[in-house]
């Protein structure tokens, strides 16, 4: 039976006279989407195993405002952002980790101009550091032995923030082959969900972006598409289904892959 991990809220931790080493910003997808909840659980397992003193905001966490801002509603974004900054500052939060590049980019790059300055890391960066420090160890062999893995770069992690190596360093630790799609790193192709596109119908056109992106996956004959974003995960899953390849190609977040391969 899997171990049950009790994740404290920051309020509970502060009430007990403690402060978290790091705040895990779960995000809307990680909180409410059934598929993304599995990514959240994988991150929690890894942080817990590494002995990190972390907490979540729980019901005090609200949307970062990213979708509103991308859709052009600056007023709603400001309301969301200021509310979140007030909560974070009231608990004197300094360091934040998140599994969502949209949350990562917004809190890291757009909150400072509203007074919210924090050390924000993507989960791939933190997990990579924990592996290097030996706080997480990978088992020999494992489920990924002999598999061909390709990494899909999330736009807000890669092109927006130049984070390319941390996810790849993580995947290189697995007993598998890492193959690159022709559109990767700074030339990576969007999954189709960014810019608030996730929440609206597509404009008229000949091809959905996620279908185009999945063609890149099929070209390298990957067994697994590794993602670092819950929205990319959804879009790539739909793309694979479009080609009726869901039994041949698995879509997994890097946190899930490391949690699966780690000696936890």
C-alpha atoms as a PDB file:
ATOM      1  CA  UNK A   1       0.000   0.000   0.000  1.00  0.00           C
ATOM      2  CA  UNK A   2       1.323   3.459  -0.913  1.00  0.00           C
ATOM      3  CA  UNK A   3       2.408   5.693   1.924  1.00  0.00           C
ATOM      4  CA  UNK A   4      -0.009   8.450   2.905  1.00  0.00           C
ATOM      5  CA  UNK A   5       1.728  11.792   3.201  1.00  0.00           C
ATOM      6  CA  UNK A   6       0.173  14.604   5.206  1.00  0.00           C
ATOM      7  CA  UNK A   7       0.999  17.909   3.553  1.00  0.00           C
ATOM      8  CA  UNK A   8       0.587  20.834   5.969  1.00  0.00           C
ATOM      9  CA  UNK A   9      -0.771  24.219   4.962  1.00  0.00           C
ATOM     10  CA  UNK A  10       1.430  27.212   5.665  1.00  0.00           C
ATOM     11  CA  UNK A  11      -1.213  28.393   8.165  1.00  0.00           C
ATOM     12  CA  UNK A  12      -0.915  25.116  10.102  1.00  0.00           C
ATOM     13  CA  UNK A  13       2.867  25.285  10.056  1.00  0.00           C
ATOM     14  CA  UNK A  14       2.974  28.909  11.218  1.00  0.00           C
ATOM     15  CA  UNK A  15       0.435  28.143  13.968  1.00  0.00           C
ATOM     16  CA  UNK A  16       2.864  25.455  15.201  1.00  0.00           C
ATOM     17  CA  UNK A  17       5.664  28.033  15.294  1.00  0.00           C
ATOM     18  CA  UNK A  18       7.436  26.710  12.187  1.00  0.00           C
ATOM     19  CA  UNK A  19       8.182  28.126   8.741  1.00  0.00           C
ATOM     20  CA  UNK A  20       8.388  26.130   5.513  1.00  0.00           C
ATOM     21  CA  UNK A  21      11.722  25.796   3.746  1.00  0.00           C
ATOM     22  CA  UNK A  22       9.793  26.034   0.488  1.00  0.00           C
ATOM     23  CA  UNK A  23       6.199  26.694  -0.545  1.00  0.00           C
ATOM     24  CA  UNK A  24       4.752  24.259  -3.085  1.00  0.00           C
ATOM     25  CA  UNK A  25       2.507  26.319  -5.359  1.00  0.00           C
ATOM     26  CA  UNK A  26       0.089  23.668  -6.627  1.00  0.00           C
ATOM     27  CA  UNK A  27      -1.729  25.730  -9.275  1.00  0.00           C
ATOM     28  CA  UNK A  28      -5.273  25.386 -10.613  1.00  0.00           C
ATOM     29  CA  UNK A  29      -4.528  22.402 -12.859  1.00  0.00           C
ATOM     30  CA  UNK A  30      -2.611  20.578 -10.123  1.00  0.00           C
ATOM     31  CA  UNK A  31      -5.470  21.174  -7.691  1.00  0.00           C
ATOM     32  CA  UNK A  32      -8.551  20.449  -9.782  1.00  0.00           C
ATOM     33  CA  UNK A  33      -7.656  18.485 -12.927  1.00  0.00           C
ATOM     34  CA  UNK A  34      -7.731  14.739 -12.244  1.00  0.00           C
ATOM     35  CA  UNK A  35      -4.765  14.009 -14.510  1.00  0.00           C
ATOM     36  CA  UNK A  36      -2.673  16.868 -13.124  1.00  0.00           C
ATOM     37  CA  UNK A  37      -3.386  15.760  -9.534  1.00  0.00           C
ATOM     38  CA  UNK A  38      -1.152  12.746 -10.231  1.00  0.00           C
ATOM     39  CA  UNK A  39       1.696  15.153 -11.055  1.00  0.00           C
ATOM     40  CA  UNK A  40       1.045  17.008  -7.788  1.00  0.00           C
ATOM     41  CA  UNK A  41       1.237  13.724  -5.854  1.00  0.00           C
ATOM     42  CA  UNK A  42       4.524  12.817  -7.560  1.00  0.00           C
ATOM     43  CA  UNK A  43       6.066  16.171  -6.584  1.00  0.00           C
ATOM     44  CA  UNK A  44       4.850  15.724  -2.980  1.00  0.00           C
ATOM     45  CA  UNK A  45       6.392  12.229  -2.808  1.00  0.00           C
ATOM     46  CA  UNK A  46       9.761  13.511  -4.016  1.00  0.00           C
ATOM     47  CA  UNK A  47       9.839  16.542  -1.702  1.00  0.00           C
ATOM     48  CA  UNK A  48       8.767  14.410   1.259  1.00  0.00           C
ATOM     49  CA  UNK A  49      11.369  11.730   0.530  1.00  0.00           C
ATOM     50  CA  UNK A  50      14.128  14.343   0.170  1.00  0.00           C
ATOM     51  CA  UNK A  51      13.309  15.626   3.644  1.00  0.00           C
ATOM     52  CA  UNK A  52      12.285  19.091   2.505  1.00  0.00           C
ATOM     53  CA  UNK A  53      10.177  21.037   4.966  1.00  0.00           C
ATOM     54  CA  UNK A  54       7.448  22.240   2.622  1.00  0.00           C
ATOM     55  CA  UNK A  55       3.851  23.389   2.810  1.00  0.00           C
ATOM     56  CA  UNK A  56       0.981  24.472   0.548  1.00  0.00           C
ATOM     57  CA  UNK A  57      -1.385  27.410   0.850  1.00  0.00           C
ATOM     58  CA  UNK A  58      -4.461  25.179   0.511  1.00  0.00           C
ATOM     59  CA  UNK A  59      -7.675  27.197   0.182  1.00  0.00           C
ATOM     60  CA  UNK A  60      -5.656  30.412   0.479  1.00  0.00           C
ATOM     61  CA  UNK A  61      -4.067  29.737  -2.913  1.00  0.00           C
ATOM     62  CA  UNK A  62      -5.834  31.418  -5.827  1.00  0.00           C
ATOM     63  CA  UNK A  63      -5.146  31.406  -9.580  1.00  0.00           C
ATOM     64  CA  UNK A  64      -1.976  33.392 -10.382  1.00  0.00           C
ATOM     65  CA  UNK A  65      -3.938  35.368 -12.972  1.00  0.00           C
ATOM     66  CA  UNK A  66      -1.933  34.029 -15.920  1.00  0.00           C
ATOM     67  CA  UNK A  67      -4.941  33.008 -18.097  1.00  0.00           C
ATOM     68  CA  UNK A  68      -6.633  36.384 -17.508  1.00  0.00           C
ATOM     69  CA  UNK A  69      -3.463  38.292 -18.416  1.00  0.00           C
ATOM     70  CA  UNK A  70      -2.833  36.236 -21.565  1.00  0.00           C
ATOM     71  CA  UNK A  71      -6.449  36.763 -22.620  1.00  0.00           C
ATOM     72  CA  UNK A  72      -5.958  40.526 -22.216  1.00  0.00           C
ATOM     73  CA  UNK A  73      -7.831  41.098 -18.958  1.00  0.00           C
ATOM     74  CA  UNK A  74      -5.177  43.038 -17.089  1.00  0.00           C
ATOM     75  CA  UNK A  75      -7.612  44.168 -14.373  1.00  0.00           C
ATOM     76  CA  UNK A  76      -8.525  40.613 -13.340  1.00  0.00           C
ATOM     77  CA  UNK A  77      -4.845  39.654 -13.416  1.00  0.00           C
ATOM     78  CA  UNK A  78      -3.958  42.549 -11.085  1.00  0.00           C
ATOM     79  CA  UNK A  79      -6.720  41.580  -8.645  1.00  0.00           C
ATOM     80  CA  UNK A  80      -5.573  37.954  -8.543  1.00  0.00           C
ATOM     81  CA  UNK A  81      -1.890  38.837  -8.294  1.00  0.00           C
ATOM     82  CA  UNK A  82      -2.249  41.439  -5.516  1.00  0.00           C
ATOM     83  CA  UNK A  83      -4.423  39.069  -3.468  1.00  0.00           C
ATOM     84  CA  UNK A  84      -1.826  36.283  -3.800  1.00  0.00           C
ATOM     85  CA  UNK A  85       1.083  38.603  -2.982  1.00  0.00           C
ATOM     86  CA  UNK A  86      -0.688  39.753   0.202  1.00  0.00           C
ATOM     87  CA  UNK A  87      -1.132  36.130   1.297  1.00  0.00           C
ATOM     88  CA  UNK A  88       2.465  35.154   0.447  1.00  0.00           C
ATOM     89  CA  UNK A  89       3.924  38.205   2.179  1.00  0.00           C
ATOM     90  CA  UNK A  90       1.755  37.724   5.266  1.00  0.00           C
ATOM     91  CA  UNK A  91       3.500  34.347   5.728  1.00  0.00           C
ATOM     92  CA  UNK A  92       6.923  35.792   4.783  1.00  0.00           C
ATOM     93  CA  UNK A  93       7.310  33.266   1.957  1.00  0.00           C
ATOM     94  CA  UNK A  94      10.732  33.467   0.294  1.00  0.00           C
ATOM     95  CA  UNK A  95      11.040  30.355  -1.888  1.00  0.00           C
ATOM     96  CA  UNK A  96       8.404  28.779  -4.158  1.00  0.00           C
ATOM     97  CA  UNK A  97       8.382  25.623  -6.295  1.00  0.00           C
ATOM     98  CA  UNK A  98       5.695  24.868  -8.850  1.00  0.00           C
ATOM     99  CA  UNK A  99       5.038  22.137 -11.425  1.00  0.00           C
ATOM    100  CA  UNK A 100       3.321  24.611 -13.771  1.00  0.00           C
ATOM    101  CA  UNK A 101       5.473  26.803 -16.042  1.00  0.00           C
ATOM    102  CA  UNK A 102       2.598  29.303 -16.327  1.00  0.00           C
ATOM    103  CA  UNK A 103       2.553  29.809 -12.542  1.00  0.00           C
ATOM    104  CA  UNK A 104       6.373  29.745 -12.536  1.00  0.00           C
ATOM    105  CA  UNK A 105       6.671  32.476 -15.171  1.00  0.00           C
ATOM    106  CA  UNK A 106       3.946  34.694 -13.711  1.00  0.00           C
ATOM    107  CA  UNK A 107       5.138  34.621 -10.085  1.00  0.00           C
ATOM    108  CA  UNK A 108       8.825  34.855 -11.067  1.00  0.00           C
ATOM    109  CA  UNK A 109       8.630  37.551 -13.733  1.00  0.00           C
ATOM    110  CA  UNK A 110       5.371  39.463 -13.318  1.00  0.00           C
ATOM    111  CA  UNK A 111       4.725  39.579  -9.564  1.00  0.00           C
ATOM    112  CA  UNK A 112       7.898  41.627  -8.795  1.00  0.00           C
ATOM    113  CA  UNK A 113       6.490  44.738 -10.511  1.00  0.00           C
ATOM    114  CA  UNK A 114       3.530  44.480  -8.113  1.00  0.00           C
ATOM    115  CA  UNK A 115       5.820  44.107  -5.113  1.00  0.00           C
ATOM    116  CA  UNK A 116       5.918  40.302  -4.880  1.00  0.00           C
ATOM    117  CA  UNK A 117       9.571  39.236  -5.049  1.00  0.00           C
ATOM    118  CA  UNK A 118      10.302  35.524  -4.472  1.00  0.00           C
ATOM    119  CA  UNK A 119      12.861  32.888  -5.396  1.00  0.00           C
ATOM    120  CA  UNK A 120      10.773  30.774  -7.787  1.00  0.00           C
ATOM    121  CA  UNK A 121      11.912  27.419  -9.214  1.00  0.00           C
ATOM    122  CA  UNK A 122      10.280  24.948 -11.558  1.00  0.00           C
ATOM    123  CA  UNK A 123       9.941  21.433 -10.153  1.00  0.00           C
ATOM    124  CA  UNK A 124      12.444  20.094 -12.726  1.00  0.00           C
ATOM    125  CA  UNK A 125      15.114  22.463 -11.369  1.00  0.00           C
ATOM    126  CA  UNK A 126      14.497  21.542  -7.734  1.00  0.00           C
ATOM    127  CA  UNK A 127      14.292  17.784  -8.385  1.00  0.00           C
ATOM    128  CA  UNK A 128      17.494  17.989 -10.439  1.00  0.00           C
ATOM    129  CA  UNK A 129      19.256  19.713  -7.521  1.00  0.00           C
ATOM    130  CA  UNK A 130      17.975  17.068  -5.080  1.00  0.00           C
ATOM    131  CA  UNK A 131      19.330  14.296  -7.320  1.00  0.00           C
ATOM    132  CA  UNK A 132      22.725  16.013  -7.562  1.00  0.00           C
ATOM    133  CA  UNK A 133      22.830  16.378  -3.764  1.00  0.00           C
ATOM    134  CA  UNK A 134      21.990  12.684  -3.363  1.00  0.00           C
ATOM    135  CA  UNK A 135      18.754  13.418  -1.497  1.00  0.00           C
ATOM    136  CA  UNK A 136      16.908  11.403  -4.157  1.00  0.00           C
ATOM    137  CA  UNK A 137      18.442   8.326  -5.755  1.00  0.00           C
ATOM    138  CA  UNK A 138      17.410   6.515  -8.942  1.00  0.00           C
ATOM    139  CA  UNK A 139      16.937   2.724  -8.801  1.00  0.00           C
ATOM    140  CA  UNK A 140      18.871   0.478 -11.157  1.00  0.00           C
ATOM    141  CA  UNK A 141      16.941  -0.449 -14.301  1.00  0.00           C
ATOM    142  CA  UNK A 142      13.324   0.413 -13.693  1.00  0.00           C
ATOM    143  CA  UNK A 143      10.229   0.839 -15.809  1.00  0.00           C
ATOM    144  CA  UNK A 144      11.956   2.974 -18.430  1.00  0.00           C
ATOM    145  CA  UNK A 145      14.684   0.493 -19.393  1.00  0.00           C
ATOM    146  CA  UNK A 146      15.030   0.392 -23.176  1.00  0.00           C
ATOM    147  CA  UNK A 147      12.355   3.053 -23.728  1.00  0.00           C
ATOM    148  CA  UNK A 148      12.749   5.926 -26.157  1.00  0.00           C
ATOM    149  CA  UNK A 149      11.838   9.218 -24.466  1.00  0.00           C
ATOM    150  CA  UNK A 150      11.432  12.671 -26.000  1.00  0.00           C
ATOM    151  CA  UNK A 151      11.013  15.879 -24.016  1.00  0.00           C
ATOM    152  CA  UNK A 152       8.452  18.465 -25.106  1.00  0.00           C
ATOM    153  CA  UNK A 153       9.648  21.926 -24.014  1.00  0.00           C
ATOM    154  CA  UNK A 154       6.876  23.983 -22.391  1.00  0.00           C
ATOM    155  CA  UNK A 155       6.902  27.523 -23.856  1.00  0.00           C
ATOM    156  CA  UNK A 156       6.927  29.283 -20.489  1.00  0.00           C
ATOM    157  CA  UNK A 157       9.752  27.097 -19.205  1.00  0.00           C
ATOM    158  CA  UNK A 158      11.935  27.045 -22.297  1.00  0.00           C
ATOM    159  CA  UNK A 159      11.696  30.072 -24.557  1.00  0.00           C
ATOM    160  CA  UNK A 160      10.313  32.385 -21.848  1.00  0.00           C
ATOM    161  CA  UNK A 161      12.801  31.443 -19.118  1.00  0.00           C
ATOM    162  CA  UNK A 162      15.675  29.574 -20.828  1.00  0.00           C
ATOM    163  CA  UNK A 163      15.226  26.449 -18.715  1.00  0.00           C
ATOM    164  CA  UNK A 164      16.262  23.664 -21.076  1.00  0.00           C
ATOM    165  CA  UNK A 165      18.887  21.589 -19.298  1.00  0.00           C
ATOM    166  CA  UNK A 166      17.311  20.713 -15.924  1.00  0.00           C
ATOM    167  CA  UNK A 167      14.544  18.515 -17.399  1.00  0.00           C
ATOM    168  CA  UNK A 168      16.978  16.840 -19.783  1.00  0.00           C
ATOM    169  CA  UNK A 169      19.507  16.179 -17.023  1.00  0.00           C
ATOM    170  CA  UNK A 170      16.719  14.483 -15.063  1.00  0.00           C
ATOM    171  CA  UNK A 171      15.704  12.300 -17.992  1.00  0.00           C
ATOM    172  CA  UNK A 172      19.351  11.378 -18.688  1.00  0.00           C
ATOM    173  CA  UNK A 173      19.435   9.704 -15.241  1.00  0.00           C
ATOM    174  CA  UNK A 174      16.828   7.150 -16.399  1.00  0.00           C
ATOM    175  CA  UNK A 175      17.853   3.892 -18.025  1.00  0.00           C
ATOM    176  CA  UNK A 176      16.483   4.935 -21.416  1.00  0.00           C
ATOM    177  CA  UNK A 177      17.284   6.713 -24.662  1.00  0.00           C
ATOM    178  CA  UNK A 178      16.565  10.450 -24.910  1.00  0.00           C
ATOM    179  CA  UNK A 179      15.707  11.546 -28.451  1.00  0.00           C
ATOM    180  CA  UNK A 180      15.127  15.139 -29.526  1.00  0.00           C
ATOM    181  CA  UNK A 181      12.334  16.257 -31.832  1.00  0.00           C
ATOM    182  CA  UNK A 182      13.363  18.482 -34.746  1.00  0.00           C
ATOM    183  CA  UNK A 183      11.519  21.382 -33.059  1.00  0.00           C
ATOM    184  CA  UNK A 184      13.096  21.465 -29.605  1.00  0.00           C
ATOM    185  CA  UNK A 185      14.712  23.802 -27.075  1.00  0.00           C
ATOM    186  CA  UNK A 186      14.645  27.408 -28.410  1.00  0.00           C
ATOM    187  CA  UNK A 187      12.903  26.149 -31.562  1.00  0.00           C
ATOM    188  CA  UNK A 188      10.335  24.157 -29.585  1.00  0.00           C
ATOM    189  CA  UNK A 189       6.774  24.117 -30.880  1.00  0.00           C
ATOM    190  CA  UNK A 190       3.894  25.136 -28.593  1.00  0.00           C
ATOM    191  CA  UNK A 191       1.433  22.424 -27.537  1.00  0.00           C
ATOM    192  CA  UNK A 192      -1.409  24.811 -28.364  1.00  0.00           C
ATOM    193  CA  UNK A 193      -2.600  25.604 -24.831  1.00  0.00           C
ATOM    194  CA  UNK A 194      -0.577  28.737 -24.019  1.00  0.00           C
ATOM    195  CA  UNK A 195      -1.796  32.305 -24.251  1.00  0.00           C
ATOM    196  CA  UNK A 196      -5.123  31.233 -22.681  1.00  0.00           C
ATOM    197  CA  UNK A 197      -5.866  29.144 -25.814  1.00  0.00           C
ATOM    198  CA  UNK A 198      -6.602  26.248 -23.433  1.00  0.00           C
ATOM    199  CA  UNK A 199      -9.838  27.954 -22.430  1.00  0.00           C
ATOM    200  CA  UNK A 200     -11.321  28.887 -25.802  1.00  0.00           C
ATOM    201  CA  UNK A 201     -12.308  27.318 -29.084  1.00  0.00           C
ATOM    202  CA  UNK A 202      -9.669  27.239 -31.825  1.00  0.00           C
ATOM    203  CA  UNK A 203      -9.778  29.761 -34.670  1.00  0.00           C
ATOM    204  CA  UNK A 204     -10.461  28.530 -38.189  1.00  0.00           C
ATOM    205  CA  UNK A 205      -7.541  26.717 -39.741  1.00  0.00           C
ATOM    206  CA  UNK A 206      -6.359  23.488 -41.309  1.00  0.00           C
ATOM    207  CA  UNK A 207      -4.575  21.871 -38.367  1.00  0.00           C
ATOM    208  CA  UNK A 208      -4.666  21.923 -34.562  1.00  0.00           C
ATOM    209  CA  UNK A 209      -1.292  22.848 -33.016  1.00  0.00           C
ATOM    210  CA  UNK A 210      -1.247  19.812 -30.717  1.00  0.00           C
ATOM    211  CA  UNK A 211      -1.787  17.526 -33.721  1.00  0.00           C
ATOM    212  CA  UNK A 212       1.122  19.223 -35.531  1.00  0.00           C
ATOM    213  CA  UNK A 213       3.270  18.806 -32.403  1.00  0.00           C
ATOM    214  CA  UNK A 214       2.330  15.136 -32.126  1.00  0.00           C
ATOM    215  CA  UNK A 215       3.597  14.618 -35.688  1.00  0.00           C
ATOM    216  CA  UNK A 216       7.055  15.591 -34.361  1.00  0.00           C
ATOM    217  CA  UNK A 217       6.689  12.886 -31.688  1.00  0.00           C
ATOM    218  CA  UNK A 218       5.693  10.240 -34.236  1.00  0.00           C
ATOM    219  CA  UNK A 219       8.678  11.203 -36.399  1.00  0.00           C
ATOM    220  CA  UNK A 220      11.199  10.272 -33.670  1.00  0.00           C
ATOM    221  CA  UNK A 221       9.233   7.091 -32.788  1.00  0.00           C
ATOM    222  CA  UNK A 222       9.157   7.913 -29.065  1.00  0.00           C
ATOM    223  CA  UNK A 223       7.582   5.521 -26.550  1.00  0.00           C
ATOM    224  CA  UNK A 224       7.131   8.280 -23.965  1.00  0.00           C
ATOM    225  CA  UNK A 225       6.613  12.027 -24.240  1.00  0.00           C
ATOM    226  CA  UNK A 226       8.005  13.675 -21.109  1.00  0.00           C
ATOM    227  CA  UNK A 227       6.382  16.968 -20.198  1.00  0.00           C
ATOM    228  CA  UNK A 228       6.966  19.601 -17.535  1.00  0.00           C
ATOM    229  CA  UNK A 229       3.578  21.321 -17.693  1.00  0.00           C
ATOM    230  CA  UNK A 230       0.036  20.107 -16.930  1.00  0.00           C
ATOM    231  CA  UNK A 231      -1.378  21.936 -19.957  1.00  0.00           C
ATOM    232  CA  UNK A 232       1.210  20.395 -22.303  1.00  0.00           C
ATOM    233  CA  UNK A 233       0.324  17.026 -20.771  1.00  0.00           C
ATOM    234  CA  UNK A 234      -3.358  17.470 -21.686  1.00  0.00           C
ATOM    235  CA  UNK A 235      -2.669  18.737 -25.199  1.00  0.00           C
ATOM    236  CA  UNK A 236      -0.114  16.042 -26.031  1.00  0.00           C
ATOM    237  CA  UNK A 237      -2.455  13.358 -24.669  1.00  0.00           C
ATOM    238  CA  UNK A 238      -5.192  14.642 -26.984  1.00  0.00           C
ATOM    239  CA  UNK A 239      -2.734  14.760 -29.889  1.00  0.00           C
ATOM    240  CA  UNK A 240      -1.716  11.133 -29.361  1.00  0.00           C
ATOM    241  CA  UNK A 241      -5.404  10.135 -29.194  1.00  0.00           C
ATOM    242  CA  UNK A 242      -5.982  11.935 -32.508  1.00  0.00           C
ATOM    243  CA  UNK A 243      -3.602   9.446 -34.141  1.00  0.00           C
ATOM    244  CA  UNK A 244      -5.063   6.500 -32.152  1.00  0.00           C
ATOM    245  CA  UNK A 245      -1.637   5.942 -30.582  1.00  0.00           C
ATOM    246  CA  UNK A 246      -2.658   6.099 -26.899  1.00  0.00           C
ATOM    247  CA  UNK A 247      -1.714   2.434 -26.454  1.00  0.00           C
ATOM    248  CA  UNK A 248       1.731   3.002 -27.981  1.00  0.00           C
ATOM    249  CA  UNK A 249       2.814   6.398 -26.613  1.00  0.00           C
ATOM    250  CA  UNK A 250       2.640   7.427 -22.959  1.00  0.00           C
ATOM    251  CA  UNK A 251       2.509  11.059 -21.801  1.00  0.00           C
ATOM    252  CA  UNK A 252       4.185  11.523 -18.417  1.00  0.00           C
ATOM    253  CA  UNK A 253       5.375  14.491 -16.378  1.00  0.00           C
ATOM    254  CA  UNK A 254       9.054  14.364 -15.455  1.00  0.00           C
ATOM    255  CA  UNK A 255       8.113  14.372 -11.743  1.00  0.00           C
ATOM    256  CA  UNK A 256       6.042  11.223 -12.282  1.00  0.00           C
ATOM    257  CA  UNK A 257       8.913   9.580 -14.133  1.00  0.00           C
ATOM    258  CA  UNK A 258      11.496  10.391 -11.445  1.00  0.00           C
ATOM    259  CA  UNK A 259       9.105   9.378  -8.619  1.00  0.00           C
ATOM    260  CA  UNK A 260       8.548   6.082 -10.445  1.00  0.00           C
ATOM    261  CA  UNK A 261      12.258   5.464 -10.998  1.00  0.00           C
ATOM    262  CA  UNK A 262      13.496   6.746  -7.631  1.00  0.00           C
ATOM    263  CA  UNK A 263      14.278   4.622  -4.628  1.00  0.00           C
ATOM    264  CA  UNK A 264      11.479   6.020  -2.453  1.00  0.00           C
END
